Full PDB file with SEQRES, HELIX, SHEET, SSBOND, CRYST1, ORIGX, SCALE, CONECT and MASTER records, all heavy atoms in Angstrom:
SEQRES   1 A   34  ASP GLU GLN VAL ALA LEU ALA GLN GLN PHE ARG VAL MET          
SEQRES   2 A   34  THR ILE PRO THR LEU MET VAL ILE LYS ASN GLY GLN VAL          
SEQRES   3 A   34  VAL HIS GLN SER ALA GLY ALA ARG                              
HELIX    1 AA1 VAL A    4  GLN A    9  1                                   6    
SHEET    1 AA1 2 THR A  17  LYS A  22  0                                        
SHEET    2 AA1 2 GLN A  25  ALA A  31 -1                                        
CRYST1    1.000    1.000    1.000  90.00  90.00  90.00 P 1           1          
ORIGX1      1.000000  0.000000  0.000000        0.00000                         
ORIGX2      0.000000  1.000000  0.000000        0.00000                         
ORIGX3      0.000000  0.000000  1.000000        0.00000                         
SCALE1      1.000000  0.000000  0.000000        0.00000                         
SCALE2      0.000000  1.000000  0.000000        0.00000                         
SCALE3      0.000000  0.000000  1.000000        0.00000                         
ATOM      1  N   ASP A   1     117.148  89.291 101.096  1.00  0.00           N  
ATOM      2  CA  ASP A   1     118.073  89.092 102.218  1.00  0.00           C  
ATOM      3  C   ASP A   1     117.350  89.212 103.549  1.00  0.00           C  
ATOM      4  O   ASP A   1     117.690  88.535 104.511  1.00  0.00           O  
ATOM      5  CB  ASP A   1     119.205  90.129 102.170  1.00  0.00           C  
ATOM      6  CG  ASP A   1     120.195  89.862 101.045  1.00  0.00           C  
ATOM      7  OD1 ASP A   1     120.232  88.727 100.533  1.00  0.00           O  
ATOM      8  OD2 ASP A   1     120.924  90.800 100.682  1.00  0.00           O  
ATOM      9  N   GLU A   2     116.356  90.078 103.626  1.00  0.00           N  
ATOM     10  CA  GLU A   2     115.615  90.303 104.865  1.00  0.00           C  
ATOM     11  C   GLU A   2     114.375  89.425 104.974  1.00  0.00           C  
ATOM     12  O   GLU A   2     113.887  89.171 106.079  1.00  0.00           O  
ATOM     13  CB  GLU A   2     115.193  91.775 104.954  1.00  0.00           C  
ATOM     14  CG  GLU A   2     116.367  92.728 105.039  1.00  0.00           C  
ATOM     15  CD  GLU A   2     115.955  94.181 104.968  1.00  0.00           C  
ATOM     16  OE1 GLU A   2     114.746  94.469 104.772  1.00  0.00           O  
ATOM     17  OE2 GLU A   2     116.841  95.042 105.103  1.00  0.00           O  
ATOM     18  N   GLN A   3     113.844  88.971 103.848  1.00  0.00           N  
ATOM     19  CA  GLN A   3     112.601  88.187 103.816  1.00  0.00           C  
ATOM     20  C   GLN A   3     112.853  86.825 103.169  1.00  0.00           C  
ATOM     21  O   GLN A   3     112.265  86.468 102.153  1.00  0.00           O  
ATOM     22  CB  GLN A   3     111.514  88.961 103.065  1.00  0.00           C  
ATOM     23  CG  GLN A   3     111.217  90.319 103.645  1.00  0.00           C  
ATOM     24  CD  GLN A   3     110.743  90.246 105.088  1.00  0.00           C  
ATOM     25  OE1 GLN A   3     109.965  89.374 105.466  1.00  0.00           O  
ATOM     26  NE2 GLN A   3     111.218  91.173 105.901  1.00  0.00           N  
ATOM     27  N   VAL A   4     113.730  86.064 103.784  1.00  0.00           N  
ATOM     28  CA  VAL A   4     114.140  84.764 103.244  1.00  0.00           C  
ATOM     29  C   VAL A   4     112.943  83.825 103.099  1.00  0.00           C  
ATOM     30  O   VAL A   4     112.816  83.111 102.098  1.00  0.00           O  
ATOM     31  CB  VAL A   4     115.245  84.137 104.126  1.00  0.00           C  
ATOM     32  CG1 VAL A   4     115.612  82.746 103.642  1.00  0.00           C  
ATOM     33  CG2 VAL A   4     116.473  85.045 104.151  1.00  0.00           C  
ATOM     34  N   ALA A   5     112.046  83.834 104.071  1.00  0.00           N  
ATOM     35  CA  ALA A   5     110.894  82.925 104.025  1.00  0.00           C  
ATOM     36  C   ALA A   5     110.013  83.205 102.815  1.00  0.00           C  
ATOM     37  O   ALA A   5     109.535  82.267 102.162  1.00  0.00           O  
ATOM     38  CB  ALA A   5     110.084  83.033 105.313  1.00  0.00           C  
ATOM     39  N   LEU A   6     109.794  84.482 102.484  1.00  0.00           N  
ATOM     40  CA  LEU A   6     108.977  84.808 101.303  1.00  0.00           C  
ATOM     41  C   LEU A   6     109.684  84.382 100.025  1.00  0.00           C  
ATOM     42  O   LEU A   6     109.053  83.849  99.107  1.00  0.00           O  
ATOM     43  CB  LEU A   6     108.663  86.303 101.254  1.00  0.00           C  
ATOM     44  CG  LEU A   6     107.603  86.813 102.215  1.00  0.00           C  
ATOM     45  CD1 LEU A   6     107.464  88.327 102.100  1.00  0.00           C  
ATOM     46  CD2 LEU A   6     106.267  86.145 101.955  1.00  0.00           C  
ATOM     47  N   ALA A   7     110.988  84.605  99.962  1.00  0.00           N  
ATOM     48  CA  ALA A   7     111.744  84.188  98.778  1.00  0.00           C  
ATOM     49  C   ALA A   7     111.665  82.671  98.607  1.00  0.00           C  
ATOM     50  O   ALA A   7     111.483  82.171  97.492  1.00  0.00           O  
ATOM     51  CB  ALA A   7     113.200  84.646  98.888  1.00  0.00           C  
ATOM     52  N   GLN A   8     111.757  81.942  99.698  1.00  0.00           N  
ATOM     53  CA  GLN A   8     111.649  80.483  99.639  1.00  0.00           C  
ATOM     54  C   GLN A   8     110.241  80.049  99.266  1.00  0.00           C  
ATOM     55  O   GLN A   8     110.060  79.132  98.465  1.00  0.00           O  
ATOM     56  CB  GLN A   8     112.066  79.864 100.972  1.00  0.00           C  
ATOM     57  CG  GLN A   8     113.535  79.981 101.249  1.00  0.00           C  
ATOM     58  CD  GLN A   8     113.917  79.489 102.632  1.00  0.00           C  
ATOM     59  OE1 GLN A   8     113.085  79.393 103.533  1.00  0.00           O  
ATOM     60  NE2 GLN A   8     115.194  79.188 102.804  1.00  0.00           N  
ATOM     61  N   GLN A   9     109.245  80.709  99.827  1.00  0.00           N  
ATOM     62  CA  GLN A   9     107.849  80.362  99.545  1.00  0.00           C  
ATOM     63  C   GLN A   9     107.556  80.447  98.048  1.00  0.00           C  
ATOM     64  O   GLN A   9     106.830  79.616  97.503  1.00  0.00           O  
ATOM     65  CB  GLN A   9     106.918  81.304 100.314  1.00  0.00           C  
ATOM     66  CG  GLN A   9     105.457  81.084 100.042  1.00  0.00           C  
ATOM     67  CD  GLN A   9     104.572  82.077 100.812  1.00  0.00           C  
ATOM     68  OE1 GLN A   9     104.988  82.684 101.782  1.00  0.00           O  
ATOM     69  NE2 GLN A   9     103.342  82.216 100.357  1.00  0.00           N  
ATOM     70  N   PHE A  10     108.132  81.454  97.388  1.00  0.00           N  
ATOM     71  CA  PHE A  10     107.891  81.645  95.961  1.00  0.00           C  
ATOM     72  C   PHE A  10     109.007  81.064  95.086  1.00  0.00           C  
ATOM     73  O   PHE A  10     109.047  81.313  93.893  1.00  0.00           O  
ATOM     74  CB  PHE A  10     107.679  83.133  95.660  1.00  0.00           C  
ATOM     75  CG  PHE A  10     106.341  83.619  96.140  1.00  0.00           C  
ATOM     76  CD1 PHE A  10     106.213  84.227  97.373  1.00  0.00           C  
ATOM     77  CD2 PHE A  10     105.203  83.416  95.382  1.00  0.00           C  
ATOM     78  CE1 PHE A  10     104.978  84.662  97.835  1.00  0.00           C  
ATOM     79  CE2 PHE A  10     103.964  83.832  95.822  1.00  0.00           C  
ATOM     80  CZ  PHE A  10     103.855  84.455  97.047  1.00  0.00           C  
ATOM     81  N   ARG A  11     109.903  80.307  95.708  1.00  0.00           N  
ATOM     82  CA  ARG A  11     110.990  79.627  94.999  1.00  0.00           C  
ATOM     83  C   ARG A  11     111.802  80.598  94.135  1.00  0.00           C  
ATOM     84  O   ARG A  11     112.103  80.297  92.968  1.00  0.00           O  
ATOM     85  CB  ARG A  11     110.445  78.472  94.173  1.00  0.00           C  
ATOM     86  CG  ARG A  11     109.823  77.386  95.006  1.00  0.00           C  
ATOM     87  CD  ARG A  11     109.299  76.250  94.129  1.00  0.00           C  
ATOM     88  NE  ARG A  11     108.770  75.177  94.938  1.00  0.00           N  
ATOM     89  CZ  ARG A  11     107.501  75.092  95.325  1.00  0.00           C  
ATOM     90  NH1 ARG A  11     106.647  76.019  94.996  1.00  0.00           N  
ATOM     91  NH2 ARG A  11     107.092  74.074  96.045  1.00  0.00           N  
ATOM     92  N   VAL A  12     112.130  81.737  94.699  1.00  0.00           N  
ATOM     93  CA  VAL A  12     112.927  82.726  93.983  1.00  0.00           C  
ATOM     94  C   VAL A  12     114.379  82.266  94.006  1.00  0.00           C  
ATOM     95  O   VAL A  12     114.997  82.185  95.062  1.00  0.00           O  
ATOM     96  CB  VAL A  12     112.775  84.129  94.621  1.00  0.00           C  
ATOM     97  CG1 VAL A  12     113.728  85.113  93.974  1.00  0.00           C  
ATOM     98  CG2 VAL A  12     111.337  84.597  94.498  1.00  0.00           C  
ATOM     99  N   MET A  13     114.908  81.964  92.824  1.00  0.00           N  
ATOM    100  CA  MET A  13     116.294  81.496  92.691  1.00  0.00           C  
ATOM    101  C   MET A  13     117.190  82.547  92.056  1.00  0.00           C  
ATOM    102  O   MET A  13     118.394  82.500  92.191  1.00  0.00           O  
ATOM    103  CB  MET A  13     116.344  80.221  91.840  1.00  0.00           C  
ATOM    104  CG  MET A  13     115.547  79.086  92.393  1.00  0.00           C  
ATOM    105  SD  MET A  13     116.265  78.542  93.940  1.00  0.00           S  
ATOM    106  CE  MET A  13     115.472  76.997  94.168  1.00  0.00           C  
ATOM    107  N   THR A  14     116.597  83.453  91.318  1.00  0.00           N  
ATOM    108  CA  THR A  14     117.318  84.497  90.592  1.00  0.00           C  
ATOM    109  C   THR A  14     116.670  85.829  90.926  1.00  0.00           C  
ATOM    110  O   THR A  14     115.454  85.918  91.021  1.00  0.00           O  
ATOM    111  CB  THR A  14     117.205  84.252  89.070  1.00  0.00           C  
ATOM    112  OG1 THR A  14     117.696  82.950  88.775  1.00  0.00           O  
ATOM    113  CG2 THR A  14     117.989  85.276  88.284  1.00  0.00           C  
ATOM    114  N   ILE A  15     117.515  86.850  91.094  1.00  0.00           N  
ATOM    115  CA  ILE A  15     116.958  88.186  91.296  1.00  0.00           C  
ATOM    116  C   ILE A  15     117.559  89.122  90.265  1.00  0.00           C  
ATOM    117  O   ILE A  15     118.677  88.888  89.811  1.00  0.00           O  
ATOM    118  CB  ILE A  15     117.179  88.712  92.733  1.00  0.00           C  
ATOM    119  CG1 ILE A  15     118.643  88.639  93.134  1.00  0.00           C  
ATOM    120  CG2 ILE A  15     116.305  87.975  93.714  1.00  0.00           C  
ATOM    121  CD1 ILE A  15     118.956  89.264  94.462  1.00  0.00           C  
ATOM    122  N   PRO A  16     116.823  90.120  89.844  1.00  0.00           N  
ATOM    123  CA  PRO A  16     115.454  90.390  90.259  1.00  0.00           C  
ATOM    124  C   PRO A  16     114.474  89.388  89.661  1.00  0.00           C  
ATOM    125  O   PRO A  16     114.650  88.930  88.539  1.00  0.00           O  
ATOM    126  CB  PRO A  16     115.182  91.789  89.696  1.00  0.00           C  
ATOM    127  CG  PRO A  16     116.077  91.889  88.490  1.00  0.00           C  
ATOM    128  CD  PRO A  16     117.311  91.094  88.848  1.00  0.00           C  
ATOM    129  N   THR A  17     113.474  89.049  90.445  1.00  0.00           N  
ATOM    130  CA  THR A  17     112.333  88.273  89.955  1.00  0.00           C  
ATOM    131  C   THR A  17     111.095  89.137  90.147  1.00  0.00           C  
ATOM    132  O   THR A  17     110.886  89.690  91.221  1.00  0.00           O  
ATOM    133  CB  THR A  17     112.180  86.946  90.730  1.00  0.00           C  
ATOM    134  OG1 THR A  17     113.255  86.073  90.371  1.00  0.00           O  
ATOM    135  CG2 THR A  17     110.857  86.269  90.395  1.00  0.00           C  
ATOM    136  N   LEU A  18     110.326  89.257  89.090  1.00  0.00           N  
ATOM    137  CA  LEU A  18     109.080  90.012  89.135  1.00  0.00           C  
ATOM    138  C   LEU A  18     107.922  89.035  89.038  1.00  0.00           C  
ATOM    139  O   LEU A  18     107.955  88.107  88.225  1.00  0.00           O  
ATOM    140  CB  LEU A  18     109.007  91.009  87.976  1.00  0.00           C  
ATOM    141  CG  LEU A  18     110.137  92.027  87.901  1.00  0.00           C  
ATOM    142  CD1 LEU A  18     110.007  92.859  86.637  1.00  0.00           C  
ATOM    143  CD2 LEU A  18     110.140  92.915  89.124  1.00  0.00           C  
ATOM    144  N   MET A  19     106.914  89.247  89.877  1.00  0.00           N  
ATOM    145  CA  MET A  19     105.708  88.406  89.851  1.00  0.00           C  
ATOM    146  C   MET A  19     104.481  89.288  89.847  1.00  0.00           C  
ATOM    147  O   MET A  19     104.469  90.332  90.495  1.00  0.00           O  
ATOM    148  CB  MET A  19     105.643  87.498  91.075  1.00  0.00           C  
ATOM    149  CG  MET A  19     106.670  86.432  91.096  1.00  0.00           C  
ATOM    150  SD  MET A  19     106.416  85.338  92.498  1.00  0.00           S  
ATOM    151  CE  MET A  19     107.926  84.401  92.392  1.00  0.00           C  
ATOM    152  N   VAL A  20     103.479  88.837  89.119  1.00  0.00           N  
ATOM    153  CA  VAL A  20     102.177  89.482  89.173  1.00  0.00           C  
ATOM    154  C   VAL A  20     101.237  88.490  89.855  1.00  0.00           C  
ATOM    155  O   VAL A  20     101.112  87.344  89.417  1.00  0.00           O  
ATOM    156  CB  VAL A  20     101.654  89.853  87.771  1.00  0.00           C  
ATOM    157  CG1 VAL A  20     100.256  90.444  87.868  1.00  0.00           C  
ATOM    158  CG2 VAL A  20     102.607  90.828  87.088  1.00  0.00           C  
ATOM    159  N   ILE A  21     100.614  88.945  90.932  1.00  0.00           N  
ATOM    160  CA  ILE A  21      99.721  88.095  91.713  1.00  0.00           C  
ATOM    161  C   ILE A  21      98.321  88.697  91.653  1.00  0.00           C  
ATOM    162  O   ILE A  21      98.134  89.879  91.951  1.00  0.00           O  
ATOM    163  CB  ILE A  21     100.213  87.973  93.166  1.00  0.00           C  
ATOM    164  CG1 ILE A  21     101.604  87.340  93.171  1.00  0.00           C  
ATOM    165  CG2 ILE A  21      99.218  87.176  94.009  1.00  0.00           C  
ATOM    166  CD1 ILE A  21     102.248  87.249  94.523  1.00  0.00           C  
ATOM    167  N   LYS A  22      97.369  87.876  91.224  1.00  0.00           N  
ATOM    168  CA  LYS A  22      95.962  88.285  91.177  1.00  0.00           C  
ATOM    169  C   LYS A  22      95.161  87.281  91.974  1.00  0.00           C  
ATOM    170  O   LYS A  22      95.316  86.072  91.787  1.00  0.00           O  
ATOM    171  CB  LYS A  22      95.451  88.314  89.733  1.00  0.00           C  
ATOM    172  CG  LYS A  22      96.072  89.381  88.869  1.00  0.00           C  
ATOM    173  CD  LYS A  22      95.496  89.367  87.460  1.00  0.00           C  
ATOM    174  CE  LYS A  22      96.181  90.388  86.579  1.00  0.00           C  
ATOM    175  NZ  LYS A  22      95.716  90.309  85.190  1.00  0.00           N  
ATOM    176  N   ASN A  23      94.302  87.777  92.834  1.00  0.00           N  
ATOM    177  CA  ASN A  23      93.447  86.918  93.661  1.00  0.00           C  
ATOM    178  C   ASN A  23      94.250  85.839  94.387  1.00  0.00           C  
ATOM    179  O   ASN A  23      93.832  84.693  94.474  1.00  0.00           O  
ATOM    180  CB  ASN A  23      92.347  86.281  92.811  1.00  0.00           C  
ATOM    181  CG  ASN A  23      91.478  87.323  92.157  1.00  0.00           C  
ATOM    182  OD1 ASN A  23      91.105  88.313  92.771  1.00  0.00           O  
ATOM    183  ND2 ASN A  23      91.163  87.124  90.892  1.00  0.00           N  
ATOM    184  N   GLY A  24      95.449  86.213  94.858  1.00  0.00           N  
ATOM    185  CA  GLY A  24      96.275  85.289  95.620  1.00  0.00           C  
ATOM    186  C   GLY A  24      97.052  84.278  94.803  1.00  0.00           C  
ATOM    187  O   GLY A  24      97.711  83.414  95.364  1.00  0.00           O  
ATOM    188  N   GLN A  25      96.977  84.362  93.478  1.00  0.00           N  
ATOM    189  CA  GLN A  25      97.661  83.403  92.605  1.00  0.00           C  
ATOM    190  C   GLN A  25      98.690  84.115  91.718  1.00  0.00           C  
ATOM    191  O   GLN A  25      98.411  85.187  91.178  1.00  0.00           O  
ATOM    192  CB  GLN A  25      96.659  82.687  91.687  1.00  0.00           C  
ATOM    193  CG  GLN A  25      95.599  81.914  92.419  1.00  0.00           C  
ATOM    194  CD  GLN A  25      96.162  80.734  93.176  1.00  0.00           C  
ATOM    195  OE1 GLN A  25      97.003  80.013  92.681  1.00  0.00           O  
ATOM    196  NE2 GLN A  25      95.699  80.551  94.410  1.00  0.00           N  
ATOM    197  N   VAL A  26      99.871  83.492  91.556  1.00  0.00           N  
ATOM    198  CA  VAL A  26     100.874  84.033  90.640  1.00  0.00           C  
ATOM    199  C   VAL A  26     100.387  83.792  89.219  1.00  0.00           C  
ATOM    200  O   VAL A  26     100.147  82.654  88.824  1.00  0.00           O  
ATOM    201  CB  VAL A  26     102.255  83.363  90.852  1.00  0.00           C  
ATOM    202  CG1 VAL A  26     103.263  83.872  89.829  1.00  0.00           C  
ATOM    203  CG2 VAL A  26     102.756  83.604  92.272  1.00  0.00           C  
ATOM    204  N   VAL A  27     100.208  84.872  88.452  1.00  0.00           N  
ATOM    205  CA  VAL A  27      99.725  84.737  87.083  1.00  0.00           C  
ATOM    206  C   VAL A  27     100.827  85.007  86.055  1.00  0.00           C  
ATOM    207  O   VAL A  27     100.723  84.562  84.917  1.00  0.00           O  
ATOM    208  CB  VAL A  27      98.502  85.641  86.806  1.00  0.00           C  
ATOM    209  CG1 VAL A  27      97.309  85.177  87.633  1.00  0.00           C  
ATOM    210  CG2 VAL A  27      98.797  87.096  87.069  1.00  0.00           C  
ATOM    211  N   HIS A  28     101.872  85.724  86.457  1.00  0.00           N  
ATOM    212  CA  HIS A  28     103.030  85.966  85.581  1.00  0.00           C  
ATOM    213  C   HIS A  28     104.269  86.039  86.445  1.00  0.00           C  
ATOM    214  O   HIS A  28     104.211  86.516  87.581  1.00  0.00           O  
ATOM    215  CB  HIS A  28     102.894  87.278  84.804  1.00  0.00           C  
ATOM    216  CG  HIS A  28     101.781  87.285  83.819  1.00  0.00           C  
ATOM    217  ND1 HIS A  28     101.803  86.565  82.651  1.00  0.00           N  
ATOM    218  CD2 HIS A  28     100.586  87.916  83.835  1.00  0.00           C  
ATOM    219  CE1 HIS A  28     100.678  86.756  81.993  1.00  0.00           C  
ATOM    220  NE2 HIS A  28      99.909  87.569  82.698  1.00  0.00           N  
ATOM    221  N   GLN A  29     105.389  85.565  85.868  1.00  0.00           N  
ATOM    222  CA  GLN A  29     106.654  85.613  86.575  1.00  0.00           C  
ATOM    223  C   GLN A  29     107.766  85.834  85.558  1.00  0.00           C  
ATOM    224  O   GLN A  29     107.723  85.286  84.459  1.00  0.00           O  
ATOM    225  CB  GLN A  29     106.882  84.303  87.330  1.00  0.00           C  
ATOM    226  CG  GLN A  29     108.136  84.287  88.153  1.00  0.00           C  
ATOM    227  CD  GLN A  29     108.212  83.062  89.054  1.00  0.00           C  
ATOM    228  OE1 GLN A  29     107.199  82.442  89.373  1.00  0.00           O  
ATOM    229  NE2 GLN A  29     109.409  82.715  89.464  1.00  0.00           N  
ATOM    230  N   SER A  30     108.739  86.647  85.934  1.00  0.00           N  
ATOM    231  CA  SER A  30     109.844  86.955  85.049  1.00  0.00           C  
ATOM    232  C   SER A  30     111.104  87.131  85.878  1.00  0.00           C  
ATOM    233  O   SER A  30     111.085  87.806  86.906  1.00  0.00           O  
ATOM    234  CB  SER A  30     109.541  88.249  84.282  1.00  0.00           C  
ATOM    235  OG  SER A  30     110.658  88.666  83.543  1.00  0.00           O  
ATOM    236  N   ALA A  31     112.200  86.516  85.454  1.00  0.00           N  
ATOM    237  CA  ALA A  31     113.479  86.654  86.156  1.00  0.00           C  
ATOM    238  C   ALA A  31     114.442  87.475  85.309  1.00  0.00           C  
ATOM    239  O   ALA A  31     114.441  87.383  84.092  1.00  0.00           O  
ATOM    240  CB  ALA A  31     114.073  85.279  86.449  1.00  0.00           C  
ATOM    241  N   GLY A  32     115.242  88.288  85.982  1.00  0.00           N  
ATOM    242  CA  GLY A  32     116.232  89.111  85.304  1.00  0.00           C  
ATOM    243  C   GLY A  32     115.723  90.511  85.034  1.00  0.00           C  
ATOM    244  O   GLY A  32     114.527  90.781  85.133  1.00  0.00           O  
ATOM    245  N   ALA A  33     116.662  91.388  84.736  1.00  0.00           N  
ATOM    246  CA  ALA A  33     116.319  92.786  84.462  1.00  0.00           C  
ATOM    247  C   ALA A  33     115.527  92.878  83.161  1.00  0.00           C  
ATOM    248  O   ALA A  33     115.828  92.191  82.188  1.00  0.00           O  
ATOM    249  CB  ALA A  33     117.586  93.628  84.373  1.00  0.00           C  
ATOM    250  N   ARG A  34     114.516  93.710  83.169  1.00  0.00           N  
ATOM    251  CA  ARG A  34     113.649  93.912  82.006  1.00  0.00           C  
ATOM    252  C   ARG A  34     113.422  95.403  81.824  1.00  0.00           C  
ATOM    253  O   ARG A  34     113.311  96.142  82.802  1.00  0.00           O  
ATOM    254  CB  ARG A  34     112.278  93.264  82.219  1.00  0.00           C  
ATOM    255  CG  ARG A  34     112.301  91.773  82.417  1.00  0.00           C  
ATOM    256  CD  ARG A  34     112.335  91.051  81.084  1.00  0.00           C  
ATOM    257  NE  ARG A  34     112.240  89.619  81.247  1.00  0.00           N  
ATOM    258  CZ  ARG A  34     113.282  88.808  81.231  1.00  0.00           C  
ATOM    259  NH1 ARG A  34     114.485  89.284  81.116  1.00  0.00           N  
ATOM    260  NH2 ARG A  34     113.121  87.512  81.345  1.00  0.00           N  
TER     261      ARG A  34                                                      
MASTER        0    0    0    1    2    0    0    6  260    1    0    3          
END                                                                             
């Protein structure tokens, strides 16, 4: 809600969305509670 640009940059459509970023690249992504 506060960081709309970041959510758009990473195309976050569902929350919670978890991402693992290594060396500036998304290497894993998961949507929904886990």
